[in-house]
Structure formats: structure tokens, C-alpha cells
Protein backbone atom coordinates (compact mmCIF):
# COMPACT_ATOMS: atom_id res chain seq x y z
CA MET A 1 13.17 3.14 8.01
CA SER A 2 11.02 1.44 5.38
CA ALA A 3 7.26 1.12 5.10
CA GLN A 4 5.07 -1.86 4.31
CA CYS A 5 1.41 -2.69 3.90
CA PRO A 6 0.24 -4.05 7.28
CA GLU A 7 -2.08 -6.57 5.60
CA CYS A 8 0.06 -8.23 2.90
CA PHE A 9 3.50 -7.05 4.12
CA GLU A 10 4.55 -5.88 0.64
CA PRO A 11 6.67 -2.71 0.48
CA ALA A 12 4.75 0.57 0.54
CA VAL A 13 5.84 3.79 -1.14
CA GLU A 14 4.83 7.37 -0.43
CA SER A 15 3.21 7.88 -3.81
CA PRO A 16 -0.52 8.31 -4.53
CA ALA A 17 -2.36 5.17 -5.57
CA THR A 18 -3.18 5.07 -9.28
CA ASP A 19 -6.08 2.60 -9.10
CA MET A 20 -8.57 4.79 -7.25
CA ALA A 21 -11.49 6.34 -9.19
CA PRO A 22 -11.63 10.17 -8.96
CA ALA A 23 -15.24 9.93 -7.74
CA TRP A 24 -13.92 8.29 -4.55
CA GLY A 25 -12.07 11.49 -3.60
CA ASP A 26 -8.35 12.11 -3.35
CA PRO A 27 -6.19 9.01 -3.75
CA PRO A 28 -4.42 7.76 -0.63
CA ALA A 29 -0.88 9.12 -0.20
CA TRP A 30 0.65 5.64 0.13
CA SER A 31 0.52 2.73 -2.30
CA HIS A 32 2.12 -0.61 -3.12
CA GLU A 33 5.16 -0.44 -5.42
CA ASP A 34 2.92 -1.24 -8.42
CA GLY A 35 0.75 1.85 -7.74
CA SER A 36 -2.23 -0.01 -6.27
CA ALA A 37 -3.76 1.25 -3.05
CA LEU A 38 -2.69 -0.49 0.14
CA CYS A 39 -4.92 -3.44 1.09
CA PRO A 40 -8.39 -2.58 2.40
CA VAL A 41 -9.16 -2.52 6.11
CA MET A 42 -12.38 -1.68 7.96
CA GLY A 43 -12.48 1.98 8.96
CA ALA A 44 -15.03 4.33 10.48
CA ASN A 45 -16.80 4.68 7.12
CA GLY A 46 -16.44 1.14 5.81
CA TYR A 47 -13.49 -0.27 3.90
CA GLU A 48 -10.58 2.05 3.22
CA PRO A 49 -6.90 1.59 2.27
CA ALA A 50 -4.66 0.62 5.17
CA GLN A 51 -2.09 3.02 6.57
CA PRO A 52 1.54 1.98 6.12
CA GLU A 53 3.46 0.26 8.90
CA PHE A 54 7.03 1.43 9.44
CA VAL A 55 9.63 -1.25 10.03
């Protein structure tokens, strides 16, 4: 089973995002293949990286 970003449909990998500033807390566990966080979605506390979709 593979994972993808539910917003842009690019492949997602279970590797911490490398484009998140340390002041924002721990990086999300999933990222795009280039290391960028998954696309932003509206969450309970404002915008946050999406959770991967398994296909």
C-alpha cells in the first residue's frame, strides 16, 4: 500500500519534513518525496500539514 498527499496527490513518504522551522514544534512524520511537508489543510488550530492518504 502506498501513501499520497490528499491535496496534491503526490507520493508521500514516512520521513520527517525538512522544511519546518524548529520553533513550530516537531516536524510532521510524513512528507513529500522532496522533504517538504504535506500540503496545508485547515485543522483545529489553523493550518497544519495534511495526513497521508493510503491508496
